[in-house]
Every structure is written in C-alpha cells, then in structure tokens.
Amino acid sequence: CGSMAGLVQAFVICPMEHIKCRLQVQSSAIEASASATKVNAQQMYKGPVDCCTSIVKKHGFFSGLYRGMGVTLWRETPAFGLYFAVYDTIKEKVESLLEEKDEKHPIPSHAHAWAASALAGGISGASTWAIIYPFDVIKSQIQTSPLDKHLQKGMWTVGRDIVREHGWKHMFRGLGVTLVRAFPVNAIIFPVYEFVLVQLGGG
C-alpha cells in the first residue's frame, strides 16, 4: 500500500518539483548575474504558472513538464513502502515497551500511543530519506539541466556523471540538513493524524 501511494504521488509531485527547481535555479542565476554585472538580469519565468505554461508550450507536457519522472518514481515508490514498513515496525515495538502493565489498562494510553507514533514517525522519515537521498540529488540535477532534447540524459548517466565529476560524497550533499528537517516533521505528522482520528471518532 505504501509503495502504491508513492507511485501515485509521483505523478502529482514530479511537475511541481520540476517547476520549483527551475524557479530556484533561475533566482540564483539572476542574483549571480546581477552581482557580477551590477545590472538586473531579466527573469526567464515570471512565476510558477508562467514557468509551467512556458515549459509545456516549448517542450511538451510529458517530455517537458514531467522531466525527471523516471527518477521520481524510483525515489517515491520504494520510499513510501519503506517509510510505512519502518513506521509500523518501530511503533509496535515502542508501544510494547511503553505499554502499561496494569491489568486494567492492557492497551497503551493515548499519551503512550502518540509518543510511540512520534518516535516511529521521526525515525522512519529520517531513515527513508537517508536511503533514497541519492535519487533526489539526481532528480534535482535532471530537473535543473537544459531542457533541450539533445542535451537530456538518463538517470543512471546523470548519476555516473555526478560521481565522476564530484565524487560519491556529492550524492549525499545536503543530507544532514534534510535529516534535521525530516525527523521533527515526520514526528509531528503521525501523532497529529492519529489525534484527529481520535477526536473525529469521539474516543
């Protein structure tokens, strides 16, 4: 189920991340150009909508807007399967450790359940990112490279070029910051989700 969710999400997130990457690179390029020439550089894209329509018009819907779809599938599909598998395993083990021994309360209290959920969410989110991070690096490289068809390269070719030019450590560049973000974010998601379910269920 987790992998299927990741597969479906890939079709939604790929064009969005492509547009985000294009705009981020454009901003950096404009700032660098302005700093070097003391003249304001002209933006290629005025915003997300303009970026989207421009890419589709010049390079096509799937070949342009969905650039990097292959590596996005490689990142999202196994990542979500691993994410939920690790979450369920860790949550079950933590809950068993926190479970109250009193016979009147054989099931963990809400506080214990949410604590287990937070810890499991943080660990599963961080560990998943640590494993699939190289795919994210390759995806970003593909989605920020020139859109000209003759310059496009496949996922494995891009990965090989990155390692050859910068070394294998470059595939994990920025991982530390990503993990610092991933743990608290994912530690919050599941407890809030389960809290809302309890409130909606009246129990």
N, C-alpha and C. Protein backbone atom coordinates (compact mmCIF):
# COMPACT_ATOMS: atom_id res chain seq x y z
N CYS A 1 0.83 -1.20 0.00
CA CYS A 1 0.00 0.00 0.00
C CYS A 1 0.87 1.26 0.00
N GLY A 2 1.93 1.25 0.80
CA GLY A 2 2.80 2.41 0.86
C GLY A 2 3.46 2.70 -0.48
N SER A 3 3.95 1.66 -1.13
CA SER A 3 4.60 1.83 -2.43
C SER A 3 3.61 2.32 -3.48
N MET A 4 2.38 1.82 -3.43
CA MET A 4 1.36 2.27 -4.37
C MET A 4 1.05 3.74 -4.16
N ALA A 5 1.00 4.17 -2.90
CA ALA A 5 0.77 5.58 -2.59
C ALA A 5 1.91 6.44 -3.14
N GLY A 6 3.14 5.94 -3.02
CA GLY A 6 4.29 6.66 -3.54
C GLY A 6 4.24 6.77 -5.05
N LEU A 7 3.82 5.69 -5.71
CA LEU A 7 3.71 5.70 -7.16
C LEU A 7 2.70 6.74 -7.63
N VAL A 8 1.55 6.77 -6.99
CA VAL A 8 0.52 7.74 -7.36
C VAL A 8 0.99 9.17 -7.07
N GLN A 9 1.65 9.37 -5.93
CA GLN A 9 2.11 10.70 -5.57
C GLN A 9 3.14 11.22 -6.56
N ALA A 10 3.94 10.32 -7.12
CA ALA A 10 4.99 10.73 -8.06
C ALA A 10 4.41 11.50 -9.24
N PHE A 11 3.22 11.10 -9.70
CA PHE A 11 2.60 11.77 -10.84
C PHE A 11 2.14 13.18 -10.48
N VAL A 12 1.89 13.42 -9.21
CA VAL A 12 1.46 14.75 -8.77
C VAL A 12 2.66 15.63 -8.44
N ILE A 13 3.64 15.05 -7.77
CA ILE A 13 4.75 15.83 -7.24
C ILE A 13 5.83 16.15 -8.28
N CYS A 14 5.97 15.30 -9.30
CA CYS A 14 7.03 15.49 -10.29
C CYS A 14 6.97 16.86 -10.99
N PRO A 15 5.85 17.23 -11.61
CA PRO A 15 5.81 18.54 -12.27
C PRO A 15 5.95 19.70 -11.30
N MET A 16 5.42 19.54 -10.09
CA MET A 16 5.53 20.61 -9.09
C MET A 16 6.98 20.84 -8.69
N GLU A 17 7.70 19.76 -8.45
CA GLU A 17 9.10 19.89 -8.06
C GLU A 17 9.95 20.38 -9.23
N HIS A 18 9.57 20.01 -10.44
CA HIS A 18 10.30 20.48 -11.62
C HIS A 18 10.19 22.00 -11.71
N ILE A 19 8.97 22.52 -11.56
CA ILE A 19 8.77 23.96 -11.61
C ILE A 19 9.52 24.64 -10.47
N LYS A 20 9.46 24.08 -9.27
CA LYS A 20 10.15 24.64 -8.11
C LYS A 20 11.65 24.71 -8.37
N CYS A 21 12.21 23.64 -8.91
CA CYS A 21 13.66 23.60 -9.19
C CYS A 21 14.05 24.65 -10.22
N ARG A 22 13.24 24.79 -11.27
CA ARG A 22 13.53 25.78 -12.31
C ARG A 22 13.53 27.19 -11.74
N LEU A 23 12.55 27.50 -10.92
CA LEU A 23 12.45 28.83 -10.34
C LEU A 23 13.58 29.10 -9.34
N GLN A 24 13.97 28.09 -8.59
CA GLN A 24 15.06 28.26 -7.62
C GLN A 24 16.39 28.51 -8.32
N VAL A 25 16.63 27.75 -9.38
CA VAL A 25 17.88 27.93 -10.13
C VAL A 25 17.89 29.28 -10.82
N GLN A 26 16.72 29.68 -11.34
CA GLN A 26 16.62 30.97 -12.01
C GLN A 26 16.94 32.11 -11.06
N SER A 27 16.43 32.03 -9.84
CA SER A 27 16.68 33.07 -8.85
C SER A 27 18.17 33.17 -8.52
N SER A 28 18.82 32.03 -8.38
CA SER A 28 20.25 32.01 -8.09
C SER A 28 21.05 32.58 -9.24
N ALA A 29 20.65 32.23 -10.47
CA ALA A 29 21.36 32.70 -11.66
C ALA A 29 21.21 34.21 -11.81
N ILE A 30 20.01 34.72 -11.53
CA ILE A 30 19.75 36.16 -11.65
C ILE A 30 20.57 36.93 -10.63
N GLU A 31 20.63 36.43 -9.39
CA GLU A 31 21.40 37.09 -8.35
C GLU A 31 22.89 37.10 -8.68
N ALA A 32 23.38 35.98 -9.21
CA ALA A 32 24.80 35.90 -9.57
C ALA A 32 25.12 36.85 -10.72
N SER A 33 24.22 36.91 -11.70
CA SER A 33 24.43 37.78 -12.85
C SER A 33 24.39 39.25 -12.45
N ALA A 34 23.42 39.60 -11.60
CA ALA A 34 23.28 40.97 -11.14
C ALA A 34 24.50 41.40 -10.32
N SER A 35 25.00 40.47 -9.51
CA SER A 35 26.16 40.77 -8.67
C SER A 35 27.41 40.99 -9.52
N ALA A 36 27.53 40.22 -10.61
CA ALA A 36 28.73 40.31 -11.45
C ALA A 36 28.69 41.52 -12.38
N THR A 37 27.50 41.83 -12.90
CA THR A 37 27.39 42.90 -13.90
C THR A 37 26.82 44.20 -13.34
N LYS A 38 26.30 44.17 -12.12
CA LYS A 38 25.67 45.33 -11.49
C LYS A 38 24.42 45.77 -12.25
N VAL A 39 23.89 44.84 -13.07
CA VAL A 39 22.69 45.13 -13.84
C VAL A 39 21.66 44.05 -13.55
N ASN A 40 20.42 44.44 -13.37
CA ASN A 40 19.36 43.47 -13.10
C ASN A 40 19.12 42.58 -14.32
N ALA A 41 19.28 41.26 -14.12
CA ALA A 41 19.05 40.31 -15.20
C ALA A 41 17.55 40.06 -15.36
N GLN A 42 17.15 39.77 -16.60
CA GLN A 42 15.74 39.52 -16.88
C GLN A 42 15.37 38.09 -16.51
N GLN A 43 14.23 37.93 -15.87
CA GLN A 43 13.77 36.62 -15.49
C GLN A 43 13.24 35.85 -16.70
N MET A 44 13.56 34.55 -16.75
CA MET A 44 13.03 33.71 -17.81
C MET A 44 11.57 33.38 -17.53
N TYR A 45 11.27 33.13 -16.24
CA TYR A 45 9.90 32.82 -15.83
C TYR A 45 9.43 33.85 -14.81
N LYS A 46 8.19 34.31 -14.96
CA LYS A 46 7.64 35.32 -14.07
C LYS A 46 7.09 34.72 -12.78
N GLY A 47 6.81 33.41 -12.82
CA GLY A 47 6.25 32.74 -11.66
C GLY A 47 5.92 31.30 -12.00
N PRO A 48 5.33 30.57 -11.06
CA PRO A 48 5.01 29.15 -11.28
C PRO A 48 4.12 28.89 -12.49
N VAL A 49 3.08 29.69 -12.65
CA VAL A 49 2.16 29.48 -13.77
C VAL A 49 2.85 29.74 -15.10
N ASP A 50 3.61 30.83 -15.16
CA ASP A 50 4.33 31.17 -16.39
C ASP A 50 5.38 30.10 -16.70
N CYS A 51 6.04 29.60 -15.67
CA CYS A 51 7.04 28.55 -15.85
C CYS A 51 6.39 27.29 -16.42
N CYS A 52 5.25 26.91 -15.85
CA CYS A 52 4.53 25.71 -16.29
C CYS A 52 4.09 25.82 -17.74
N THR A 53 3.42 26.93 -18.08
CA THR A 53 2.90 27.10 -19.44
C THR A 53 4.03 27.22 -20.46
N SER A 54 5.12 27.86 -20.07
CA SER A 54 6.26 28.03 -20.97
C SER A 54 6.92 26.70 -21.29
N ILE A 55 7.11 25.87 -20.26
CA ILE A 55 7.73 24.56 -20.46
C ILE A 55 6.86 23.68 -21.34
N VAL A 56 5.56 23.66 -21.06
CA VAL A 56 4.63 22.83 -21.86
C VAL A 56 4.60 23.31 -23.30
N LYS A 57 4.56 24.62 -23.52
CA LYS A 57 4.49 25.17 -24.86
C LYS A 57 5.73 24.88 -25.69
N LYS A 58 6.90 24.98 -25.07
CA LYS A 58 8.16 24.82 -25.79
C LYS A 58 8.66 23.38 -25.84
N HIS A 59 8.35 22.59 -24.80
CA HIS A 59 8.96 21.26 -24.70
C HIS A 59 7.97 20.12 -24.53
N GLY A 60 6.68 20.44 -24.44
CA GLY A 60 5.69 19.39 -24.33
C GLY A 60 5.28 19.10 -22.89
N PHE A 61 4.17 18.38 -22.75
CA PHE A 61 3.62 18.09 -21.42
C PHE A 61 4.45 17.04 -20.69
N PHE A 62 4.56 15.85 -21.29
CA PHE A 62 5.30 14.77 -20.62
C PHE A 62 6.81 14.91 -20.79
N SER A 63 7.26 15.26 -21.98
CA SER A 63 8.71 15.38 -22.21
C SER A 63 9.29 16.62 -21.56
N GLY A 64 8.44 17.64 -21.32
CA GLY A 64 8.92 18.87 -20.71
C GLY A 64 8.56 18.98 -19.25
N LEU A 65 7.25 19.11 -18.97
CA LEU A 65 6.80 19.32 -17.60
C LEU A 65 7.11 18.14 -16.69
N TYR A 66 7.02 16.93 -17.25
CA TYR A 66 7.28 15.72 -16.47
C TYR A 66 8.74 15.26 -16.59
N ARG A 67 9.60 16.17 -16.84
CA ARG A 67 11.04 15.88 -16.90
C ARG A 67 11.48 15.35 -15.54
N GLY A 68 12.17 14.22 -15.52
CA GLY A 68 12.62 13.64 -14.26
C GLY A 68 11.62 12.68 -13.64
N MET A 69 10.60 12.28 -14.42
CA MET A 69 9.58 11.40 -13.88
C MET A 69 10.15 10.03 -13.51
N GLY A 70 11.05 9.52 -14.30
CA GLY A 70 11.63 8.20 -14.05
C GLY A 70 12.31 8.14 -12.68
N VAL A 71 13.17 9.09 -12.41
CA VAL A 71 13.90 9.09 -11.14
C VAL A 71 12.96 9.44 -9.98
N THR A 72 11.90 10.21 -10.25
CA THR A 72 10.91 10.50 -9.21
C THR A 72 10.20 9.22 -8.79
N LEU A 73 9.87 8.37 -9.76
CA LEU A 73 9.25 7.09 -9.45
C LEU A 73 10.20 6.21 -8.64
N TRP A 74 11.48 6.24 -9.00
CA TRP A 74 12.48 5.46 -8.26
C TRP A 74 12.62 5.97 -6.83
N ARG A 75 12.40 7.25 -6.64
CA ARG A 75 12.50 7.82 -5.29
C ARG A 75 11.24 7.57 -4.47
N GLU A 76 10.08 7.87 -5.03
CA GLU A 76 8.83 7.84 -4.28
C GLU A 76 8.30 6.43 -4.01
N THR A 77 8.35 5.56 -5.00
CA THR A 77 7.71 4.24 -4.86
C THR A 77 8.34 3.39 -3.75
N PRO A 78 9.65 3.13 -3.80
CA PRO A 78 10.23 2.35 -2.70
C PRO A 78 10.27 3.12 -1.39
N ALA A 79 10.39 4.45 -1.48
CA ALA A 79 10.49 5.26 -0.27
C ALA A 79 9.25 5.14 0.59
N PHE A 80 8.08 5.21 -0.02
CA PHE A 80 6.85 5.13 0.76
C PHE A 80 6.62 3.73 1.31
N GLY A 81 7.01 2.71 0.54
CA GLY A 81 6.89 1.35 1.05
C GLY A 81 7.76 1.15 2.27
N LEU A 82 8.99 1.64 2.19
CA LEU A 82 9.93 1.54 3.31
C LEU A 82 9.47 2.41 4.48
N TYR A 83 8.98 3.58 4.16
CA TYR A 83 8.53 4.55 5.17
C TYR A 83 7.48 3.96 6.10
N PHE A 84 6.44 3.39 5.51
CA PHE A 84 5.35 2.85 6.33
C PHE A 84 5.74 1.53 7.00
N ALA A 85 6.59 0.75 6.35
CA ALA A 85 7.03 -0.50 6.95
C ALA A 85 7.87 -0.23 8.20
N VAL A 86 8.79 0.71 8.09
CA VAL A 86 9.63 1.08 9.24
C VAL A 86 8.77 1.71 10.34
N TYR A 87 7.84 2.55 9.94
CA TYR A 87 6.96 3.21 10.93
C TYR A 87 6.17 2.18 11.73
N ASP A 88 5.52 1.26 11.03
CA ASP A 88 4.69 0.25 11.71
C ASP A 88 5.52 -0.62 12.64
N THR A 89 6.71 -1.02 12.18
CA THR A 89 7.58 -1.88 12.98
C THR A 89 8.06 -1.19 14.25
N ILE A 90 8.55 0.03 14.10
CA ILE A 90 9.07 0.77 15.25
C ILE A 90 7.95 1.15 16.21
N LYS A 91 6.83 1.57 15.68
CA LYS A 91 5.71 1.97 16.55
C LYS A 91 5.24 0.79 17.40
N GLU A 92 5.17 -0.39 16.78
CA GLU A 92 4.73 -1.58 17.51
C GLU A 92 5.70 -1.92 18.63
N LYS A 93 6.99 -1.81 18.35
CA LYS A 93 8.00 -2.14 19.37
C LYS A 93 8.01 -1.11 20.50
N VAL A 94 7.89 0.16 20.13
CA VAL A 94 7.89 1.22 21.15
C VAL A 94 6.64 1.13 22.01
N GLU A 95 5.50 0.85 21.39
CA GLU A 95 4.26 0.73 22.15
C GLU A 95 4.34 -0.42 23.16
N SER A 96 4.97 -1.51 22.73
CA SER A 96 5.10 -2.66 23.64
C SER A 96 5.97 -2.32 24.84
N LEU A 97 6.96 -1.43 24.61
CA LEU A 97 7.83 -1.01 25.71
C LEU A 97 7.12 -0.04 26.65
N LEU A 98 6.25 0.79 26.08
CA LEU A 98 5.56 1.80 26.87
C LEU A 98 4.23 1.32 27.45
N GLU A 99 3.83 0.14 27.05
CA GLU A 99 2.52 -0.37 27.46
C GLU A 99 2.43 -0.48 28.98
N GLU A 100 1.34 -0.03 29.48
CA GLU A 100 1.13 -0.08 30.93
C GLU A 100 0.95 -1.52 31.37
N LYS A 101 1.54 -1.86 32.48
CA LYS A 101 1.48 -3.23 32.99
C LYS A 101 0.21 -3.51 33.80
N ASP A 102 -0.48 -2.46 34.17
CA ASP A 102 -1.70 -2.63 34.95
C ASP A 102 -2.73 -3.42 34.15
N GLU A 103 -3.30 -4.43 34.73
CA GLU A 103 -4.27 -5.26 34.03
C GLU A 103 -5.52 -4.47 33.61
N LYS A 104 -5.79 -3.38 34.30
CA LYS A 104 -6.96 -2.57 33.95
C LYS A 104 -6.72 -1.75 32.68
N HIS A 105 -5.47 -1.64 32.32
CA HIS A 105 -5.13 -0.85 31.14
C HIS A 105 -4.17 -1.64 30.25
N PRO A 106 -4.65 -2.71 29.63
CA PRO A 106 -3.79 -3.54 28.78
C PRO A 106 -3.37 -2.87 27.48
N ILE A 107 -4.12 -1.84 27.08
CA ILE A 107 -3.80 -1.14 25.83
C ILE A 107 -3.09 0.17 26.20
N PRO A 108 -2.09 0.55 25.43
CA PRO A 108 -1.37 1.79 25.74
C PRO A 108 -2.31 2.98 25.79
N SER A 109 -2.05 3.93 26.68
CA SER A 109 -2.84 5.15 26.77
C SER A 109 -2.59 5.98 25.52
N HIS A 110 -3.43 7.00 25.30
CA HIS A 110 -3.25 7.87 24.14
C HIS A 110 -1.87 8.54 24.17
N ALA A 111 -1.44 8.92 25.38
CA ALA A 111 -0.14 9.59 25.50
C ALA A 111 0.98 8.67 25.05
N HIS A 112 0.90 7.41 25.48
CA HIS A 112 1.91 6.44 25.07
C HIS A 112 1.85 6.17 23.57
N ALA A 113 0.64 6.05 23.06
CA ALA A 113 0.47 5.78 21.63
C ALA A 113 1.02 6.93 20.80
N TRP A 114 0.77 8.17 21.22
CA TRP A 114 1.26 9.32 20.47
C TRP A 114 2.77 9.46 20.58
N ALA A 115 3.33 9.13 21.73
CA ALA A 115 4.78 9.17 21.89
C ALA A 115 5.44 8.14 20.97
N ALA A 116 4.85 6.95 20.92
CA ALA A 116 5.37 5.90 20.04
C ALA A 116 5.24 6.32 18.59
N SER A 117 4.12 6.96 18.26
CA SER A 117 3.89 7.41 16.89
C SER A 117 4.89 8.49 16.49
N ALA A 118 5.17 9.41 17.41
CA ALA A 118 6.12 10.49 17.12
C ALA A 118 7.52 9.94 16.88
N LEU A 119 7.97 9.05 17.76
CA LEU A 119 9.30 8.47 17.63
C LEU A 119 9.42 7.64 16.35
N ALA A 120 8.40 6.83 16.09
CA ALA A 120 8.41 5.99 14.89
C ALA A 120 8.36 6.83 13.64
N GLY A 121 7.56 7.90 13.66
CA GLY A 121 7.47 8.78 12.50
C GLY A 121 8.79 9.47 12.21
N GLY A 122 9.43 9.98 13.25
CA GLY A 122 10.70 10.65 13.06
C GLY A 122 11.78 9.73 12.53
N ILE A 123 11.88 8.54 13.11
CA ILE A 123 12.90 7.58 12.68
C ILE A 123 12.62 7.10 11.26
N SER A 124 11.37 6.78 10.95
CA SER A 124 11.04 6.28 9.61
C SER A 124 11.28 7.35 8.55
N GLY A 125 10.93 8.60 8.86
CA GLY A 125 11.14 9.67 7.91
C GLY A 125 12.61 9.93 7.64
N ALA A 126 13.40 10.00 8.71
CA ALA A 126 14.83 10.26 8.57
C ALA A 126 15.56 9.10 7.88
N SER A 127 15.25 7.88 8.27
CA SER A 127 15.93 6.72 7.69
C SER A 127 15.58 6.55 6.21
N THR A 128 14.33 6.83 5.86
CA THR A 128 13.92 6.73 4.46
C THR A 128 14.66 7.73 3.60
N TRP A 129 14.76 8.98 4.07
CA TRP A 129 15.49 10.00 3.32
C TRP A 129 16.97 9.64 3.18
N ALA A 130 17.55 9.06 4.22
CA ALA A 130 18.96 8.69 4.17
C ALA A 130 19.22 7.66 3.07
N ILE A 131 18.25 6.79 2.83
CA ILE A 131 18.42 5.73 1.84
C ILE A 131 18.15 6.22 0.42
N ILE A 132 17.11 7.04 0.24
CA ILE A 132 16.72 7.42 -1.12
C ILE A 132 17.30 8.78 -1.54
N TYR A 133 18.11 9.39 -0.69
CA TYR A 133 18.63 10.73 -0.98
C TYR A 133 19.38 10.85 -2.31
N PRO A 134 20.23 9.88 -2.67
CA PRO A 134 20.92 9.99 -3.96
C PRO A 134 19.97 10.16 -5.14
N PHE A 135 18.81 9.52 -5.08
CA PHE A 135 17.83 9.69 -6.15
C PHE A 135 17.33 11.13 -6.21
N ASP A 136 17.23 11.77 -5.06
CA ASP A 136 16.78 13.16 -5.02
C ASP A 136 17.83 14.08 -5.63
N VAL A 137 19.10 13.78 -5.38
CA VAL A 137 20.19 14.56 -5.96
C VAL A 137 20.17 14.44 -7.48
N ILE A 138 20.00 13.22 -7.97
CA ILE A 138 19.94 13.00 -9.42
C ILE A 138 18.72 13.70 -10.02
N LYS A 139 17.59 13.61 -9.33
CA LYS A 139 16.36 14.26 -9.82
C LYS A 139 16.55 15.77 -9.94
N SER A 140 17.16 16.38 -8.94
CA SER A 140 17.38 17.82 -8.97
C SER A 140 18.31 18.21 -10.11
N GLN A 141 19.31 17.38 -10.35
CA GLN A 141 20.24 17.64 -11.45
C GLN A 141 19.53 17.58 -12.79
N ILE A 142 18.68 16.58 -12.95
CA ILE A 142 17.94 16.42 -14.21
C ILE A 142 16.96 17.57 -14.41
N GLN A 143 16.28 17.98 -13.34
CA GLN A 143 15.24 19.00 -13.46
C GLN A 143 15.78 20.43 -13.50
N THR A 144 17.08 20.59 -13.37
CA THR A 144 17.67 21.92 -13.50
C THR A 144 18.61 22.03 -14.69
N SER A 145 18.82 20.92 -15.40
CA SER A 145 19.66 20.94 -16.59
C SER A 145 18.88 21.47 -17.79
N PRO A 146 19.55 21.88 -18.86
CA PRO A 146 18.86 22.43 -20.03
C PRO A 146 17.77 21.50 -20.55
N LEU A 147 16.67 22.09 -20.98
CA LEU A 147 15.54 21.31 -21.45
C LEU A 147 15.66 20.85 -22.90
N ASP A 148 16.68 21.35 -23.59
CA ASP A 148 16.88 20.93 -24.98
C ASP A 148 16.97 19.42 -25.07
N LYS A 149 16.23 18.85 -26.00
CA LYS A 149 16.11 17.39 -26.09
C LYS A 149 17.45 16.70 -26.28
N HIS A 150 18.32 17.29 -27.11
CA HIS A 150 19.59 16.62 -27.41
C HIS A 150 20.57 16.66 -26.24
N LEU A 151 20.23 17.46 -25.21
CA LEU A 151 21.10 17.55 -24.04
C LEU A 151 20.62 16.69 -22.88
N GLN A 152 19.44 16.07 -23.03
CA GLN A 152 18.87 15.27 -21.96
C GLN A 152 19.63 13.96 -21.78
N LYS A 153 19.78 13.57 -20.51
CA LYS A 153 20.47 12.32 -20.18
C LYS A 153 19.58 11.49 -19.26
N GLY A 154 19.84 10.17 -19.26
CA GLY A 154 19.09 9.27 -18.41
C GLY A 154 19.54 9.35 -16.97
N MET A 155 18.74 8.77 -16.09
CA MET A 155 19.00 8.83 -14.66
C MET A 155 20.36 8.25 -14.29
N TRP A 156 20.67 7.07 -14.80
CA TRP A 156 21.92 6.41 -14.43
C TRP A 156 23.13 7.14 -15.00
N THR A 157 22.96 7.72 -16.20
CA THR A 157 24.05 8.50 -16.80
C THR A 157 24.34 9.74 -15.98
N VAL A 158 23.29 10.41 -15.53
CA VAL A 158 23.45 11.61 -14.70
C VAL A 158 24.13 11.24 -13.38
N GLY A 159 23.70 10.15 -12.77
CA GLY A 159 24.31 9.71 -11.52
C GLY A 159 25.79 9.39 -11.70
N ARG A 160 26.11 8.71 -12.78
CA ARG A 160 27.50 8.36 -13.06
C ARG A 160 28.34 9.62 -13.29
N ASP A 161 27.78 10.60 -13.99
CA ASP A 161 28.50 11.85 -14.24
C ASP A 161 28.76 12.61 -12.95
N ILE A 162 27.78 12.61 -12.05
CA ILE A 162 27.95 13.31 -10.77
C ILE A 162 29.08 12.69 -9.96
N VAL A 163 29.09 11.37 -9.89
CA VAL A 163 30.14 10.66 -9.13
C VAL A 163 31.50 10.88 -9.77
N ARG A 164 31.56 10.83 -11.09
CA ARG A 164 32.84 11.01 -11.78
C ARG A 164 33.40 12.42 -11.61
N GLU A 165 32.53 13.42 -11.65
CA GLU A 165 32.98 14.80 -11.58
C GLU A 165 33.18 15.31 -10.15
N HIS A 166 32.37 14.84 -9.22
CA HIS A 166 32.41 15.38 -7.86
C HIS A 166 32.71 14.36 -6.77
N GLY A 167 32.69 13.07 -7.11
CA GLY A 167 32.91 12.04 -6.11
C GLY A 167 31.58 11.55 -5.54
N TRP A 168 31.60 10.36 -4.93
CA TRP A 168 30.37 9.76 -4.44
C TRP A 168 29.76 10.54 -3.27
N LYS A 169 30.60 11.30 -2.54
CA LYS A 169 30.07 12.07 -1.41
C LYS A 169 29.08 13.14 -1.86
N HIS A 170 29.20 13.56 -3.10
CA HIS A 170 28.31 14.59 -3.62
C HIS A 170 26.87 14.08 -3.69
N MET A 171 26.71 12.77 -3.78
CA MET A 171 25.37 12.17 -3.83
C MET A 171 24.62 12.32 -2.51
N PHE A 172 25.36 12.68 -1.46
CA PHE A 172 24.76 12.86 -0.14
C PHE A 172 24.92 14.30 0.36
N ARG A 173 25.24 15.18 -0.56
CA ARG A 173 25.43 16.58 -0.20
C ARG A 173 24.09 17.18 0.26
N GLY A 174 24.08 17.76 1.44
CA GLY A 174 22.85 18.35 1.97
C GLY A 174 22.00 17.38 2.76
N LEU A 175 22.48 16.14 2.92
CA LEU A 175 21.70 15.14 3.63
C LEU A 175 21.51 15.52 5.11
N GLY A 176 22.53 16.08 5.71
CA GLY A 176 22.44 16.43 7.13
C GLY A 176 21.27 17.36 7.40
N VAL A 177 21.16 18.43 6.61
CA VAL A 177 20.06 19.39 6.78
C VAL A 177 18.72 18.71 6.52
N THR A 178 18.69 17.83 5.53
CA THR A 178 17.45 17.12 5.21
C THR A 178 17.00 16.25 6.37
N LEU A 179 17.94 15.58 7.02
CA LEU A 179 17.59 14.73 8.16
C LEU A 179 17.13 15.56 9.35
N VAL A 180 17.77 16.71 9.56
CA VAL A 180 17.37 17.60 10.65
C VAL A 180 15.94 18.07 10.44
N ARG A 181 15.56 18.27 9.18
CA ARG A 181 14.19 18.66 8.87
C ARG A 181 13.24 17.48 8.93
N ALA A 182 13.69 16.34 8.42
CA ALA A 182 12.81 15.17 8.27
C ALA A 182 12.34 14.61 9.61
N PHE A 183 13.22 14.56 10.60
CA PHE A 183 12.83 13.93 11.87
C PHE A 183 11.68 14.67 12.55
N PRO A 184 11.80 15.97 12.83
CA PRO A 184 10.69 16.64 13.52
C PRO A 184 9.41 16.71 12.68
N VAL A 185 9.56 16.91 11.37
CA VAL A 185 8.38 16.99 10.50
C VAL A 185 7.58 15.70 10.55
N ASN A 186 8.26 14.57 10.39
CA ASN A 186 7.58 13.29 10.39
C ASN A 186 7.17 12.85 11.79
N ALA A 187 7.86 13.38 12.80
CA ALA A 187 7.47 13.08 14.19
C ALA A 187 6.18 13.78 14.55
N ILE A 188 5.85 14.85 13.83
CA ILE A 188 4.63 15.60 14.09
C ILE A 188 3.45 15.03 13.29
N ILE A 189 3.71 14.60 12.06
CA ILE A 189 2.65 14.17 11.15
C ILE A 189 1.75 13.09 11.74
N PHE A 190 2.34 11.98 12.16
CA PHE A 190 1.55 10.84 12.60
C PHE A 190 0.78 11.08 13.91
N PRO A 191 1.40 11.66 14.93
CA PRO A 191 0.62 11.93 16.15
C PRO A 191 -0.57 12.85 15.90
N VAL A 192 -0.36 13.89 15.07
CA VAL A 192 -1.46 14.80 14.76
C VAL A 192 -2.55 14.07 13.99
N TYR A 193 -2.14 13.25 13.04
CA TYR A 193 -3.10 12.47 12.25
C TYR A 193 -3.93 11.55 13.16
N GLU A 194 -3.26 10.86 14.07
CA GLU A 194 -3.96 9.93 14.95
C GLU A 194 -4.80 10.67 16.00
N PHE A 195 -4.32 11.85 16.43
CA PHE A 195 -5.11 12.66 17.37
C PHE A 195 -6.42 13.10 16.73
N VAL A 196 -6.33 13.55 15.48
CA VAL A 196 -7.52 14.00 14.76
C VAL A 196 -8.50 12.84 14.57
N LEU A 197 -7.96 11.66 14.25
CA LEU A 197 -8.83 10.49 14.09
C LEU A 197 -9.57 10.18 15.39
N VAL A 198 -8.87 10.28 16.52
CA VAL A 198 -9.49 10.01 17.82
C VAL A 198 -10.60 11.03 18.09
N GLN A 199 -10.32 12.30 17.80
CA GLN A 199 -11.30 13.34 18.05
C GLN A 199 -12.52 13.19 17.15
N LEU A 200 -12.28 12.85 15.90
CA LEU A 200 -13.40 12.67 14.97
C LEU A 200 -14.21 11.43 15.31
N GLY A 201 -13.51 10.44 15.90
CA GLY A 201 -14.19 9.21 16.26
C GLY A 201 -14.88 9.29 17.62
N GLY A 202 -14.65 10.39 18.30
CA GLY A 202 -15.30 10.58 19.59
C GLY A 202 -14.67 9.80 20.70
N GLY A 203 -13.48 9.24 20.43
CA GLY A 203 -12.87 8.46 21.50
C GLY A 203 -11.42 8.67 21.55
